Amino acid sequence: MSTPATYASIPISGADVISRSVQNLSTAVSSRRPWPELVAANAFRRPDSLTVAGERIRKNASYFLINYTILILGCAMISVVGTPISLMVWALVLGTWLIFYFFREDPLFVGGRRVSDRLVLLCLGLGSVLAVWFTGVLENLVVGIGIGLFVCCVHAVSRNPLEGDEDGLRESVLTH
């Protein structure tokens, strides 16, 4: 029977949390594939069947995950540019997700008690829904994300994964 993991409560200043989050974000973004590789003209071919198309989506989504995420988030941000307050609220919500969920390395403590990851996820999700609801940009956001997903799917289906892509994918999975 193994003993449960315990965490030591080490106070970290807000500046340290932001600094670590920015470093983790830059590390994640640095693992993206070069943009010229994403649009290399010699790699595009029509798939022979739906099975091949599905396999291409799976491989390209794994290989270009960070690039596709940047494209989808870019489309979502462009969709709310018409309402600057909504854009600022959306950027704030995205920042809270990055700091409190994606790039947090240590457990979260409030009032000396550890907050579970489920509760953090629930609060962030609820906060996101409320932010979208009160700013009134749900329709714009859905359209922007839909356009981003469509562009990424069309790219993933039409780009024929190259042999070097698989080696790069294996290498990136092993290094992270």
Protein backbone atom coordinates (compact mmCIF):
# COMPACT_ATOMS: atom_id res chain seq x y z
CA MET A 1 0.00 0.00 0.00
CA SER A 2 1.51 3.33 -0.99
CA THR A 3 1.36 6.49 1.05
CA PRO A 4 -0.49 9.46 -0.43
CA ALA A 5 1.58 12.36 -1.71
CA THR A 6 1.80 15.33 0.61
CA TYR A 7 2.58 18.88 -0.31
CA ALA A 8 4.47 21.42 1.74
CA SER A 9 2.83 24.82 1.91
CA ILE A 10 5.43 27.29 0.69
CA PRO A 11 4.12 30.82 0.34
CA ILE A 12 4.71 32.18 -3.15
CA SER A 13 4.24 35.83 -4.01
CA GLY A 14 1.87 36.90 -6.76
CA ALA A 15 4.81 38.13 -8.83
CA ASP A 16 6.43 34.69 -8.62
CA VAL A 17 3.21 33.00 -9.72
CA ILE A 18 2.93 35.32 -12.73
CA SER A 19 6.64 34.92 -13.54
CA ARG A 20 6.39 31.11 -13.42
CA SER A 21 3.20 31.19 -15.49
CA VAL A 22 4.81 33.36 -18.15
CA GLN A 23 7.82 31.02 -18.25
CA ASN A 24 5.54 27.97 -18.57
CA LEU A 25 3.55 29.70 -21.32
CA SER A 26 6.69 30.55 -23.27
CA THR A 27 7.90 26.96 -22.87
CA ALA A 28 4.57 25.63 -24.20
CA VAL A 29 4.51 28.08 -27.13
CA SER A 30 8.13 27.29 -27.98
CA SER A 31 7.11 23.68 -28.66
CA ARG A 32 4.99 24.77 -31.61
CA ARG A 33 6.02 23.76 -35.12
CA PRO A 34 7.49 26.40 -37.46
CA TRP A 35 4.75 28.25 -39.38
CA PRO A 36 6.41 27.66 -42.80
CA GLU A 37 6.19 23.91 -42.11
CA LEU A 38 2.46 24.34 -41.47
CA VAL A 39 1.87 25.88 -44.90
CA ALA A 40 4.48 24.02 -46.99
CA ALA A 41 2.84 23.75 -50.42
CA ASN A 42 4.37 20.37 -51.32
CA ALA A 43 2.65 18.64 -48.36
CA PHE A 44 -0.96 19.18 -49.47
CA ARG A 45 -2.85 16.37 -51.23
CA ARG A 46 -6.45 15.25 -51.34
CA PRO A 47 -7.06 12.21 -49.10
CA ASP A 48 -7.98 8.94 -50.84
CA SER A 49 -10.71 7.93 -48.38
CA LEU A 50 -12.48 8.92 -45.18
CA THR A 51 -10.25 6.53 -43.25
CA VAL A 52 -7.16 8.31 -44.56
CA ALA A 53 -8.75 11.68 -43.78
CA GLY A 54 -9.44 10.60 -40.19
CA GLU A 55 -5.88 9.35 -39.79
CA ARG A 56 -4.52 12.63 -41.16
CA ILE A 57 -6.63 14.62 -38.71
CA ARG A 58 -5.32 12.53 -35.82
CA LYS A 59 -1.66 12.80 -36.89
CA ASN A 60 -1.74 16.48 -37.83
CA ALA A 61 -3.69 17.43 -34.70
CA SER A 62 -0.98 15.78 -32.58
CA TYR A 63 1.85 17.24 -34.61
CA PHE A 64 0.49 20.81 -34.91
CA LEU A 65 -1.41 20.98 -31.60
CA ILE A 66 0.12 24.26 -30.41
CA ASN A 67 -0.18 25.87 -33.86
CA TYR A 68 -3.85 24.86 -34.13
CA THR A 69 -4.53 26.13 -30.61
CA ILE A 70 -2.96 29.50 -31.49
CA LEU A 71 -5.05 29.69 -34.67
CA ILE A 72 -8.32 28.86 -32.88
CA LEU A 73 -7.62 31.33 -30.06
CA GLY A 74 -6.68 33.97 -32.64
CA CYS A 75 -9.98 33.47 -34.47
CA ALA A 76 -11.87 33.67 -31.17
CA MET A 77 -10.09 36.90 -30.23
CA ILE A 78 -10.73 38.44 -33.65
CA SER A 79 -14.42 37.57 -33.28
CA VAL A 80 -14.72 39.75 -30.15
CA VAL A 81 -12.57 42.66 -31.37
CA GLY A 82 -15.73 44.67 -32.15
CA THR A 83 -16.47 44.94 -28.44
CA PRO A 84 -13.33 46.11 -26.61
CA ILE A 85 -14.77 45.56 -23.11
CA SER A 86 -15.59 41.96 -24.04
CA LEU A 87 -12.09 41.50 -25.42
CA MET A 88 -10.57 42.72 -22.16
CA VAL A 89 -12.86 40.48 -20.10
CA TRP A 90 -12.06 37.51 -22.37
CA ALA A 91 -8.31 38.19 -22.02
CA LEU A 92 -8.73 38.36 -18.24
CA VAL A 93 -10.62 35.04 -18.22
CA LEU A 94 -7.95 33.44 -20.41
CA GLY A 95 -5.25 34.76 -18.08
CA THR A 96 -6.96 33.30 -15.03
CA TRP A 97 -7.22 29.92 -16.76
CA LEU A 98 -3.52 30.04 -17.61
CA ILE A 99 -2.44 31.04 -14.10
CA PHE A 100 -4.81 28.95 -11.98
CA TYR A 101 -5.17 25.81 -14.07
CA PHE A 102 -2.84 25.20 -17.00
CA PHE A 103 0.48 26.54 -15.71
CA ARG A 104 0.06 26.10 -11.96
CA GLU A 105 2.77 23.80 -10.63
CA ASP A 106 1.90 23.79 -6.92
CA PRO A 107 -1.40 23.00 -5.22
CA LEU A 108 -3.64 25.99 -4.56
CA PHE A 109 -4.23 26.95 -0.92
CA VAL A 110 -6.94 29.34 0.28
CA GLY A 111 -7.24 30.13 3.98
CA GLY A 112 -4.66 27.47 4.79
CA ARG A 113 -6.67 24.70 3.11
CA ARG A 114 -5.81 22.94 -0.13
CA VAL A 115 -8.28 23.57 -2.95
CA SER A 116 -8.95 20.54 -5.15
CA ASP A 117 -8.31 20.71 -8.88
CA ARG A 118 -11.98 19.85 -9.50
CA LEU A 119 -13.11 22.90 -7.54
CA VAL A 120 -10.62 25.11 -9.39
CA LEU A 121 -11.90 23.73 -12.71
CA LEU A 122 -15.52 24.24 -11.66
CA CYS A 123 -14.90 27.84 -10.56
CA LEU A 124 -12.96 28.71 -13.71
CA GLY A 125 -15.62 27.13 -15.90
CA LEU A 126 -18.41 28.96 -14.10
CA GLY A 127 -16.46 32.22 -14.27
CA SER A 128 -15.93 31.74 -18.01
CA VAL A 129 -19.61 31.06 -18.63
CA LEU A 130 -20.62 34.11 -16.58
CA ALA A 131 -18.09 36.33 -18.38
CA VAL A 132 -19.35 35.23 -21.80
CA TRP A 133 -22.97 35.56 -20.66
CA PHE A 134 -22.66 39.06 -19.19
CA THR A 135 -20.58 40.49 -22.03
CA GLY A 136 -23.06 39.18 -24.63
CA VAL A 137 -20.46 37.78 -27.03
CA LEU A 138 -21.49 34.14 -26.98
CA GLU A 139 -22.62 34.15 -30.61
CA ASN A 140 -19.47 35.94 -31.81
CA LEU A 141 -17.25 33.63 -29.77
CA VAL A 142 -18.94 30.48 -31.07
CA VAL A 143 -18.59 31.72 -34.66
CA GLY A 144 -14.91 32.61 -34.15
CA ILE A 145 -14.07 29.26 -32.55
CA GLY A 146 -16.09 27.45 -35.23
CA ILE A 147 -14.17 29.20 -38.00
CA GLY A 148 -10.87 28.36 -36.31
CA LEU A 149 -11.87 24.69 -35.92
CA PHE A 150 -13.01 24.55 -39.54
CA VAL A 151 -9.73 26.00 -40.83
CA CYS A 152 -7.71 23.58 -38.67
CA CYS A 153 -9.80 20.58 -39.81
CA VAL A 154 -9.47 21.51 -43.49
CA HIS A 155 -5.72 21.90 -43.02
CA ALA A 156 -5.41 18.61 -41.11
CA VAL A 157 -7.36 16.68 -43.76
CA SER A 158 -5.56 18.16 -46.75
CA ARG A 159 -2.00 18.09 -45.36
CA ASN A 160 -0.32 14.76 -45.98
CA PRO A 161 1.84 13.96 -42.94
CA LEU A 162 5.44 13.49 -43.99
CA GLU A 163 7.78 10.83 -42.64
CA GLY A 164 9.82 13.50 -40.82
CA ASP A 165 6.66 14.64 -39.04
CA GLU A 166 6.39 11.35 -37.17
CA ASP A 167 10.01 11.54 -36.02
CA GLY A 168 9.47 15.12 -34.84
CA LEU A 169 6.28 14.09 -33.05
CA ARG A 170 8.00 11.23 -31.25
CA GLU A 171 10.88 13.53 -30.32
CA SER A 172 8.56 16.25 -28.96
CA VAL A 173 6.54 13.71 -26.94
CA LEU A 174 9.71 12.27 -25.43
CA THR A 175 11.14 15.67 -24.48
CA HIS A 176 7.98 16.94 -22.72
